Amino acid sequence: MKLSQFIMLSEGEKTKALMCEGVLVGKQKELPMIRFLFQLDAFYVTMHCDSSSKKVKEFTAFTDTGLLQSFLDEISLNGIV
Protein backbone atom coordinates (compact mmCIF):
# COMPACT_ATOMS: atom_id res chain seq x y z
CA MET A 1 0.00 0.00 0.00
CA LYS A 2 1.20 3.50 -0.81
CA LEU A 3 1.09 6.37 1.66
CA SER A 4 -1.39 8.21 -0.57
CA GLN A 5 -3.70 5.17 -0.55
CA PHE A 6 -3.56 4.94 3.25
CA ILE A 7 -4.42 8.62 3.65
CA MET A 8 -7.58 8.14 1.55
CA LEU A 9 -8.91 5.30 3.74
CA SER A 10 -11.68 5.78 6.28
CA GLU A 11 -10.79 5.59 9.99
CA GLY A 12 -12.05 2.00 10.18
CA GLU A 13 -10.12 0.97 7.08
CA LYS A 14 -6.95 2.57 8.46
CA THR A 15 -7.31 0.64 11.72
CA LYS A 16 -7.89 -2.62 9.82
CA ALA A 17 -4.89 -2.00 7.55
CA LEU A 18 -2.62 -1.39 10.54
CA MET A 19 -3.85 -4.45 12.42
CA CYS A 20 -3.70 -6.79 9.42
CA GLU A 21 -0.73 -5.49 7.43
CA GLY A 22 1.23 -3.23 9.77
CA VAL A 23 4.10 -4.10 12.06
CA LEU A 24 3.89 -2.66 15.58
CA VAL A 25 7.19 -0.89 16.24
CA GLY A 26 6.53 0.95 19.49
CA LYS A 27 4.07 2.23 22.06
CA GLN A 28 4.12 5.36 24.21
CA LYS A 29 1.81 6.29 27.06
CA GLU A 30 1.18 10.01 27.27
CA LEU A 31 -1.94 10.00 29.42
CA PRO A 32 -4.73 10.38 28.57
CA MET A 33 -3.46 9.11 25.21
CA ILE A 34 -1.52 6.06 24.06
CA ARG A 35 0.43 6.30 20.81
CA PHE A 36 1.17 3.21 18.76
CA LEU A 37 3.80 3.30 16.03
CA PHE A 38 3.34 0.99 13.05
CA GLN A 39 5.38 0.41 9.94
CA LEU A 40 3.26 -0.21 6.89
CA ASP A 41 5.24 -0.89 3.74
CA ALA A 42 7.51 2.13 3.10
CA PHE A 43 5.96 4.51 5.63
CA TYR A 44 5.08 4.81 9.32
CA VAL A 45 1.82 5.57 11.09
CA THR A 46 1.17 6.69 14.65
CA MET A 47 -2.26 5.80 15.95
CA HIS A 48 -3.38 7.95 18.89
CA CYS A 49 -5.91 6.24 21.18
CA ASP A 50 -7.74 7.47 24.26
CA SER A 51 -6.47 5.30 27.11
CA SER A 52 -9.80 5.11 28.93
CA SER A 53 -12.25 4.65 26.05
CA LYS A 54 -9.77 2.80 23.78
CA LYS A 55 -11.11 4.80 20.83
CA VAL A 56 -8.84 5.93 18.01
CA LYS A 57 -8.54 9.71 18.03
CA GLU A 58 -6.00 10.40 15.29
CA PHE A 59 -3.68 8.87 12.70
CA THR A 60 -0.42 10.47 11.57
CA ALA A 61 1.25 8.92 8.53
CA PHE A 62 4.80 9.89 7.53
CA THR A 63 7.98 8.82 5.75
CA ASP A 64 10.45 11.06 7.61
CA THR A 65 12.49 8.72 9.83
CA GLY A 66 13.46 11.69 12.00
CA LEU A 67 9.96 11.52 13.47
CA LEU A 68 10.81 8.08 14.91
CA GLN A 69 13.32 9.46 17.39
CA SER A 70 10.98 9.69 20.39
CA PHE A 71 10.11 6.01 19.96
CA LEU A 72 13.73 4.97 19.36
CA ASP A 73 14.85 6.73 22.53
CA GLU A 74 12.63 4.39 24.58
CA ILE A 75 13.99 1.12 23.13
CA SER A 76 16.32 -0.63 25.53
CA LEU A 77 19.29 -2.37 23.96
CA ASN A 78 20.32 -4.08 27.21
CA GLY A 79 20.77 -7.78 26.61
CA ILE A 80 20.87 -7.31 22.83
CA VAL A 81 24.43 -6.03 22.46
PDB file of N, CA and C in Angstrom:
ATOM      1  N   MET A   1       0.836  -1.171   0.000  1.00  0.00           N
ATOM      2  CA  MET A   1       0.000   0.000   0.000  1.00  0.00           C
ATOM      3  C   MET A   1       0.889   1.245   0.000  1.00  0.00           C
ATOM      4  N   LYS A   2       0.479   2.231  -0.758  1.00  0.00           N
ATOM      5  CA  LYS A   2       1.199   3.496  -0.806  1.00  0.00           C
ATOM      6  C   LYS A   2       0.653   4.437   0.266  1.00  0.00           C
ATOM      7  N   LEU A   3       1.490   5.379   0.672  1.00  0.00           N
ATOM      8  CA  LEU A   3       1.089   6.368   1.655  1.00  0.00           C
ATOM      9  C   LEU A   3      -0.171   7.102   1.202  1.00  0.00           C
ATOM     10  N   SER A   4      -0.224   7.492  -0.052  1.00  0.00           N
ATOM     11  CA  SER A   4      -1.394   8.214  -0.565  1.00  0.00           C
ATOM     12  C   SER A   4      -2.661   7.367  -0.475  1.00  0.00           C
ATOM     13  N   GLN A   5      -2.545   6.064  -0.666  1.00  0.00           N
ATOM     14  CA  GLN A   5      -3.697   5.171  -0.545  1.00  0.00           C
ATOM     15  C   GLN A   5      -4.164   5.098   0.905  1.00  0.00           C
ATOM     16  N   PHE A   6      -3.209   5.011   1.832  1.00  0.00           N
ATOM     17  CA  PHE A   6      -3.557   4.939   3.246  1.00  0.00           C
ATOM     18  C   PHE A   6      -4.294   6.198   3.684  1.00  0.00           C
ATOM     19  N   ILE A   7      -3.821   7.340   3.257  1.00  0.00           N
ATOM     20  CA  ILE A   7      -4.419   8.616   3.647  1.00  0.00           C
ATOM     21  C   ILE A   7      -5.882   8.693   3.210  1.00  0.00           C
ATOM     22  N   MET A   8      -6.218   8.084   2.089  1.00  0.00           N
ATOM     23  CA  MET A   8      -7.576   8.143   1.548  1.00  0.00           C
ATOM     24  C   MET A   8      -8.541   7.170   2.227  1.00  0.00           C
ATOM     25  N   LEU A   9      -8.051   6.265   3.067  1.00  0.00           N
ATOM     26  CA  LEU A   9      -8.912   5.298   3.736  1.00  0.00           C
ATOM     27  C   LEU A   9      -9.748   5.944   4.829  1.00  0.00           C
ATOM     28  N   SER A  10     -10.881   5.325   5.148  1.00  0.00           N
ATOM     29  CA  SER A  10     -11.681   5.777   6.281  1.00  0.00           C
ATOM     30  C   SER A  10     -10.955   5.394   7.573  1.00  0.00           C
ATOM     31  N   GLU A  11     -11.419   5.904   8.703  1.00  0.00           N
ATOM     32  CA  GLU A  11     -10.789   5.587   9.986  1.00  0.00           C
ATOM     33  C   GLU A  11     -10.812   4.081  10.245  1.00  0.00           C
ATOM     34  N   GLY A  12     -11.931   3.441   9.973  1.00  0.00           N
ATOM     35  CA  GLY A  12     -12.049   1.995  10.179  1.00  0.00           C
ATOM     36  C   GLY A  12     -11.121   1.206   9.273  1.00  0.00           C
ATOM     37  N   GLU A  13     -11.011   1.648   8.029  1.00  0.00           N
ATOM     38  CA  GLU A  13     -10.120   0.975   7.080  1.00  0.00           C
ATOM     39  C   GLU A  13      -8.657   1.155   7.472  1.00  0.00           C
ATOM     40  N   LYS A  14      -8.321   2.326   8.009  1.00  0.00           N
ATOM     41  CA  LYS A  14      -6.948   2.566   8.460  1.00  0.00           C
ATOM     42  C   LYS A  14      -6.613   1.635   9.620  1.00  0.00           C
ATOM     43  N   THR A  15      -7.529   1.526  10.575  1.00  0.00           N
ATOM     44  CA  THR A  15      -7.307   0.640  11.722  1.00  0.00           C
ATOM     45  C   THR A  15      -7.128  -0.796  11.248  1.00  0.00           C
ATOM     46  N   LYS A  16      -7.974  -1.246  10.347  1.00  0.00           N
ATOM     47  CA  LYS A  16      -7.892  -2.617   9.824  1.00  0.00           C
ATOM     48  C   LYS A  16      -6.570  -2.842   9.088  1.00  0.00           C
ATOM     49  N   ALA A  17      -6.152  -1.865   8.286  1.00  0.00           N
ATOM     50  CA  ALA A  17      -4.888  -1.996   7.547  1.00  0.00           C
ATOM     51  C   ALA A  17      -3.713  -2.123   8.504  1.00  0.00           C
ATOM     52  N   LEU A  18      -3.716  -1.323   9.566  1.00  0.00           N
ATOM     53  CA  LEU A  18      -2.617  -1.388  10.535  1.00  0.00           C
ATOM     54  C   LEU A  18      -2.610  -2.719  11.274  1.00  0.00           C
ATOM     55  N   MET A  19      -3.774  -3.198  11.667  1.00  0.00           N
ATOM     56  CA  MET A  19      -3.853  -4.447  12.422  1.00  0.00           C
ATOM     57  C   MET A  19      -3.531  -5.671  11.573  1.00  0.00           C
ATOM     58  N   CYS A  20      -3.895  -5.625  10.297  1.00  0.00           N
ATOM     59  CA  CYS A  20      -3.695  -6.789   9.421  1.00  0.00           C
ATOM     60  C   CYS A  20      -2.361  -6.774   8.673  1.00  0.00           C
ATOM     61  N   GLU A  21      -1.913  -5.586   8.282  1.00  0.00           N
ATOM     62  CA  GLU A  21      -0.730  -5.492   7.434  1.00  0.00           C
ATOM     63  C   GLU A  21       0.450  -4.778   8.088  1.00  0.00           C
ATOM     64  N   GLY A  22       0.179  -4.021   9.132  1.00  0.00           N
ATOM     65  CA  GLY A  22       1.228  -3.230   9.766  1.00  0.00           C
ATOM     66  C   GLY A  22       2.042  -4.031  10.761  1.00  0.00           C
ATOM     67  N   VAL A  23       3.218  -3.518  11.050  1.00  0.00           N
ATOM     68  CA  VAL A  23       4.104  -4.097  12.063  1.00  0.00           C
ATOM     69  C   VAL A  23       4.204  -3.098  13.209  1.00  0.00           C
ATOM     70  N   LEU A  24       3.805  -3.531  14.411  1.00  0.00           N
ATOM     71  CA  LEU A  24       3.890  -2.657  15.578  1.00  0.00           C
ATOM     72  C   LEU A  24       5.359  -2.473  15.944  1.00  0.00           C
ATOM     73  N   VAL A  25       5.796  -1.216  15.964  1.00  0.00           N
ATOM     74  CA  VAL A  25       7.187  -0.886  16.241  1.00  0.00           C
ATOM     75  C   VAL A  25       7.365  -0.369  17.663  1.00  0.00           C
ATOM     76  N   GLY A  26       6.390   0.378  18.156  1.00  0.00           N
ATOM     77  CA  GLY A  26       6.533   0.950  19.487  1.00  0.00           C
ATOM     78  C   GLY A  26       5.219   1.433  20.053  1.00  0.00           C
ATOM     79  N   LYS A  27       5.251   1.751  21.349  1.00  0.00           N
ATOM     80  CA  LYS A  27       4.068   2.229  22.061  1.00  0.00           C
ATOM     81  C   LYS A  27       4.527   3.227  23.115  1.00  0.00           C
ATOM     82  N   GLN A  28       3.817   4.337  23.220  1.00  0.00           N
ATOM     83  CA  GLN A  28       4.119   5.357  24.215  1.00  0.00           C
ATOM     84  C   GLN A  28       2.848   5.747  24.942  1.00  0.00           C
ATOM     85  N   LYS A  29       2.943   5.811  26.264  1.00  0.00           N
ATOM     86  CA  LYS A  29       1.813   6.288  27.063  1.00  0.00           C
ATOM     87  C   LYS A  29       2.055   7.740  27.409  1.00  0.00           C
ATOM     88  N   GLU A  30       1.174   8.584  26.949  1.00  0.00           N
ATOM     89  CA  GLU A  30       1.178  10.008  27.266  1.00  0.00           C
ATOM     90  C   GLU A  30      -0.234  10.331  27.707  1.00  0.00           C
ATOM     91  N   LEU A  31      -0.569   9.909  28.936  1.00  0.00           N
ATOM     92  CA  LEU A  31      -1.945   9.997  29.419  1.00  0.00           C
ATOM     93  C   LEU A  31      -2.523  11.380  29.179  1.00  0.00           C
ATOM     94  N   PRO A  32      -3.739  11.454  28.693  1.00  0.00           N
ATOM     95  CA  PRO A  32      -4.725  10.385  28.567  1.00  0.00           C
ATOM     96  C   PRO A  32      -4.651   9.611  27.257  1.00  0.00           C
ATOM     97  N   MET A  33      -3.576   9.776  26.501  1.00  0.00           N
ATOM     98  CA  MET A  33      -3.459   9.107  25.207  1.00  0.00           C
ATOM     99  C   MET A  33      -2.390   8.019  25.238  1.00  0.00           C
ATOM    100  N   ILE A  34      -2.548   7.060  24.336  1.00  0.00           N
ATOM    101  CA  ILE A  34      -1.519   6.059  24.058  1.00  0.00           C
ATOM    102  C   ILE A  34      -1.236   6.163  22.568  1.00  0.00           C
ATOM    103  N   ARG A  35       0.039   6.242  22.218  1.00  0.00           N
ATOM    104  CA  ARG A  35       0.430   6.298  20.805  1.00  0.00           C
ATOM    105  C   ARG A  35       1.066   4.973  20.425  1.00  0.00           C
ATOM    106  N   PHE A  36       0.600   4.425  19.318  1.00  0.00           N
ATOM    107  CA  PHE A  36       1.168   3.206  18.762  1.00  0.00           C
ATOM    108  C   PHE A  36       1.864   3.570  17.461  1.00  0.00           C
ATOM    109  N   LEU A  37       3.056   3.063  17.266  1.00  0.00           N
ATOM    110  CA  LEU A  37       3.800   3.299  16.026  1.00  0.00           C
ATOM    111  C   LEU A  37       3.816   2.019  15.211  1.00  0.00           C
ATOM    112  N   PHE A  38       3.355   2.119  13.975  1.00  0.00           N
ATOM    113  CA  PHE A  38       3.339   0.993  13.053  1.00  0.00           C
ATOM    114  C   PHE A  38       4.180   1.320  11.832  1.00  0.00           C
ATOM    115  N   GLN A  39       4.791   0.275  11.254  1.00  0.00           N
ATOM    116  CA  GLN A  39       5.382   0.409   9.935  1.00  0.00           C
ATOM    117  C   GLN A  39       4.456  -0.307   8.978  1.00  0.00           C
ATOM    118  N   LEU A  40       4.136   0.349   7.900  1.00  0.00           N
ATOM    119  CA  LEU A  40       3.257  -0.209   6.887  1.00  0.00           C
ATOM    120  C   LEU A  40       3.921   0.045   5.539  1.00  0.00           C
ATOM    121  N   ASP A  41       4.476  -1.001   4.989  1.00  0.00           N
ATOM    122  CA  ASP A  41       5.242  -0.891   3.737  1.00  0.00           C
ATOM    123  C   ASP A  41       6.369   0.123   3.901  1.00  0.00           C
ATOM    124  N   ALA A  42       6.385   1.189   3.091  1.00  0.00           N
ATOM    125  CA  ALA A  42       7.509   2.125   3.101  1.00  0.00           C
ATOM    126  C   ALA A  42       7.220   3.394   3.907  1.00  0.00           C
ATOM    127  N   PHE A  43       6.254   3.337   4.815  1.00  0.00           N
ATOM    128  CA  PHE A  43       5.955   4.507   5.634  1.00  0.00           C
ATOM    129  C   PHE A  43       5.556   4.077   7.044  1.00  0.00           C
ATOM    130  N   TYR A  44       5.413   5.048   7.912  1.00  0.00           N
ATOM    131  CA  TYR A  44       5.076   4.807   9.317  1.00  0.00           C
ATOM    132  C   TYR A  44       3.765   5.506   9.655  1.00  0.00           C
ATOM    133  N   VAL A  45       3.079   4.975  10.647  1.00  0.00           N
ATOM    134  CA  VAL A  45       1.818   5.568  11.091  1.00  0.00           C
ATOM    135  C   VAL A  45       1.780   5.548  12.614  1.00  0.00           C
ATOM    136  N   THR A  46       1.468   6.691  13.221  1.00  0.00           N
ATOM    137  CA  THR A  46       1.172   6.687  14.646  1.00  0.00           C
ATOM    138  C   THR A  46      -0.343   6.722  14.780  1.00  0.00           C
ATOM    139  N   MET A  47      -0.836   5.874  15.662  1.00  0.00           N
ATOM    140  CA  MET A  47      -2.260   5.803  15.946  1.00  0.00           C
ATOM    141  C   MET A  47      -2.439   6.271  17.387  1.00  0.00           C
ATOM    142  N   HIS A  48      -3.159   7.360  17.577  1.00  0.00           N
ATOM    143  CA  HIS A  48      -3.376   7.948  18.887  1.00  0.00           C
ATOM    144  C   HIS A  48      -4.713   7.447  19.419  1.00  0.00           C
ATOM    145  N   CYS A  49      -4.705   6.809  20.582  1.00  0.00           N
ATOM    146  CA  CYS A  49      -5.913   6.244  21.180  1.00  0.00           C
ATOM    147  C   CYS A  49      -6.137   6.828  22.566  1.00  0.00           C
ATOM    148  N   ASP A  50      -7.386   7.041  22.910  1.00  0.00           N
ATOM    149  CA  ASP A  50      -7.745   7.466  24.256  1.00  0.00           C
ATOM    150  C   ASP A  50      -7.556   6.271  25.179  1.00  0.00           C
ATOM    151  N   SER A  51      -6.806   6.439  26.250  1.00  0.00           N
ATOM    152  CA  SER A  51      -6.467   5.304  27.114  1.00  0.00           C
ATOM    153  C   SER A  51      -7.664   4.774  27.892  1.00  0.00           C
ATOM    154  N   SER A  52      -8.647   5.606  28.160  1.00  0.00           N
ATOM    155  CA  SER A  52      -9.799   5.107  28.928  1.00  0.00           C
ATOM    156  C   SER A  52     -10.882   4.517  28.035  1.00  0.00           C
ATOM    157  N   SER A  53     -11.194   5.161  26.923  1.00  0.00           N
ATOM    158  CA  SER A  53     -12.255   4.648  26.045  1.00  0.00           C
ATOM    159  C   SER A  53     -11.735   3.664  25.000  1.00  0.00           C
ATOM    160  N   LYS A  54     -10.417   3.650  24.789  1.00  0.00           N
ATOM    161  CA  LYS A  54      -9.767   2.798  23.780  1.00  0.00           C
ATOM    162  C   LYS A  54     -10.144   3.179  22.345  1.00  0.00           C
ATOM    163  N   LYS A  55     -10.719   4.359  22.164  1.00  0.00           N
ATOM    164  CA  LYS A  55     -11.115   4.804  20.829  1.00  0.00           C
ATOM    165  C   LYS A  55      -9.954   5.506  20.132  1.00  0.00           C
ATOM    166  N   VAL A  56      -9.855   5.273  18.824  1.00  0.00           N
ATOM    167  CA  VAL A  56      -8.836   5.935  18.015  1.00  0.00           C
ATOM    168  C   VAL A  56      -9.231   7.396  17.852  1.00  0.00           C
ATOM    169  N   LYS A  57      -8.289   8.273  18.130  1.00  0.00           N
ATOM    170  CA  LYS A  57      -8.535   9.708  18.026  1.00  0.00           C
ATOM    171  C   LYS A  57      -7.879  10.335  16.805  1.00  0.00           C
ATOM    172  N   GLU A  58      -6.744   9.765  16.382  1.00  0.00           N
ATOM    173  CA  GLU A  58      -5.995  10.405  15.294  1.00  0.00           C
ATOM    174  C   GLU A  58      -4.991   9.423  14.698  1.00  0.00           C
ATOM    175  N   PHE A  59      -4.743   9.590  13.406  1.00  0.00           N
ATOM    176  CA  PHE A  59      -3.676   8.874  12.705  1.00  0.00           C
ATOM    177  C   PHE A  59      -2.717   9.910  12.144  1.00  0.00           C
ATOM    178  N   THR A  60      -1.424   9.626  12.211  1.00  0.00           N
ATOM    179  CA  THR A  60      -0.423  10.470  11.569  1.00  0.00           C
ATOM    180  C   THR A  60       0.465   9.550  10.744  1.00  0.00           C
ATOM    181  N   ALA A  61       0.457   9.745   9.440  1.00  0.00           N
ATOM    182  CA  ALA A  61       1.250   8.919   8.532  1.00  0.00           C
ATOM    183  C   ALA A  61       2.420   9.756   8.007  1.00  0.00           C
ATOM    184  N   PHE A  62       3.612   9.128   7.934  1.00  0.00           N
ATOM    185  CA  PHE A  62       4.799   9.887   7.527  1.00  0.00           C
ATOM    186  C   PHE A  62       5.881   8.960   6.988  1.00  0.00           C
ATOM    187  N   THR A  63       6.822   9.553   6.273  1.00  0.00           N
ATOM    188  CA  THR A  63       7.984   8.817   5.752  1.00  0.00           C
ATOM    189  C   THR A  63       9.288   9.309   6.369  1.00  0.00           C
ATOM    190  N   ASP A  64       9.256  10.451   7.027  1.00  0.00           N
ATOM    191  CA  ASP A  64      10.453  11.058   7.613  1.00  0.00           C
ATOM    192  C   ASP A  64      10.902  10.264   8.841  1.00  0.00           C
ATOM    193  N   THR A  65      12.016   9.550   8.725  1.00  0.00           N
ATOM    194  CA  THR A  65      12.492   8.717   9.831  1.00  0.00           C
ATOM    195  C   THR A  65      12.925   9.540  11.044  1.00  0.00           C
ATOM    196  N   GLY A  66      13.137  10.823  10.879  1.00  0.00           N
ATOM    197  CA  GLY A  66      13.464  11.688  12.005  1.00  0.00           C
ATOM    198  C   GLY A  66      12.332  11.742  13.024  1.00  0.00           C
ATOM    199  N   LEU A  67      11.115  11.503  12.579  1.00  0.00           N
ATOM    200  CA  LEU A  67       9.960  11.520  13.469  1.00  0.00           C
ATOM    201  C   LEU A  67       9.883  10.264  14.344  1.00  0.00           C
ATOM    202  N   LEU A  68      10.775   9.310  14.113  1.00  0.00           N
ATOM    203  CA  LEU A  68      10.808   8.082  14.906  1.00  0.00           C
ATOM    204  C   LEU A  68      11.611   8.243  16.190  1.00  0.00           C
ATOM    205  N   GLN A  69      12.347   9.319  16.315  1.00  0.00           N
ATOM    206  CA  GLN A  69      13.323   9.463  17.392  1.00  0.00           C
ATOM    207  C   GLN A  69      12.727   9.268  18.784  1.00  0.00           C
ATOM    208  N   SER A  70      11.553   9.823  19.045  1.00  0.00           N
ATOM    209  CA  SER A  70      10.984   9.694  20.393  1.00  0.00           C
ATOM    210  C   SER A  70      10.685   8.235  20.728  1.00  0.00           C
ATOM    211  N   PHE A  71      10.335   7.440  19.736  1.00  0.00           N
ATOM    212  CA  PHE A  71      10.113   6.014  19.959  1.00  0.00           C
ATOM    213  C   PHE A  71      11.444   5.281  20.112  1.00  0.00           C
ATOM    214  N   LEU A  72      12.430   5.633  19.307  1.00  0.00           N
ATOM    215  CA  LEU A  72      13.730   4.970  19.358  1.00  0.00           C
ATOM    216  C   LEU A  72      14.433   5.218  20.688  1.00  0.00           C
ATOM    217  N   ASP A  73      14.226   6.400  21.248  1.00  0.00           N
ATOM    218  CA  ASP A  73      14.855   6.726  22.531  1.00  0.00           C
ATOM    219  C   ASP A  73      14.377   5.810  23.657  1.00  0.00           C
ATOM    220  N   GLU A  74      13.204   5.237  23.515  1.00  0.00           N
ATOM    221  CA  GLU A  74      12.632   4.385  24.575  1.00  0.00           C
ATOM    222  C   GLU A  74      12.985   2.899  24.430  1.00  0.00           C
ATOM    223  N   ILE A  75      13.639   2.518  23.351  1.00  0.00           N
ATOM    224  CA  ILE A  75      13.986   1.122  23.133  1.00  0.00           C
ATOM    225  C   ILE A  75      15.258   0.794  23.904  1.00  0.00           C
ATOM    226  N   SER A  76      15.172  -0.200  24.751  1.00  0.00           N
ATOM    227  CA  SER A  76      16.322  -0.631  25.529  1.00  0.00           C
ATOM    228  C   SER A  76      17.118  -1.655  24.729  1.00  0.00           C
ATOM    229  N   LEU A  77      18.414  -1.444  24.658  1.00  0.00           N
ATOM    230  CA  LEU A  77      19.286  -2.374  23.956  1.00  0.00           C
ATOM    231  C   LEU A  77      20.013  -3.306  24.927  1.00  0.00           C
ATOM    232  N   ASN A  78      19.706  -3.204  26.219  1.00  0.00           N
ATOM    233  CA  ASN A  78      20.323  -4.083  27.208  1.00  0.00           C
ATOM    234  C   ASN A  78      19.969  -5.536  26.887  1.00  0.00           C
ATOM    235  N   GLY A  79      20.963  -6.376  26.899  1.00  0.00           N
ATOM    236  CA  GLY A  79      20.767  -7.781  26.611  1.00  0.00           C
ATOM    237  C   GLY A  79      20.827  -8.109  25.126  1.00  0.00           C
ATOM    238  N   ILE A  80      20.792  -7.075  24.273  1.00  0.00           N
ATOM    239  CA  ILE A  80      20.867  -7.307  22.833  1.00  0.00           C
ATOM    240  C   ILE A  80      22.303  -7.205  22.359  1.00  0.00           C
ATOM    241  N   VAL A  81      23.037  -6.239  22.898  1.00  0.00           N
ATOM    242  CA  VAL A  81      24.427  -6.031  22.465  1.00  0.00           C
ATOM    243  C   VAL A  81      25.380  -6.469  23.556  1.00  0.00           C
TER     244      VAL A  81
END
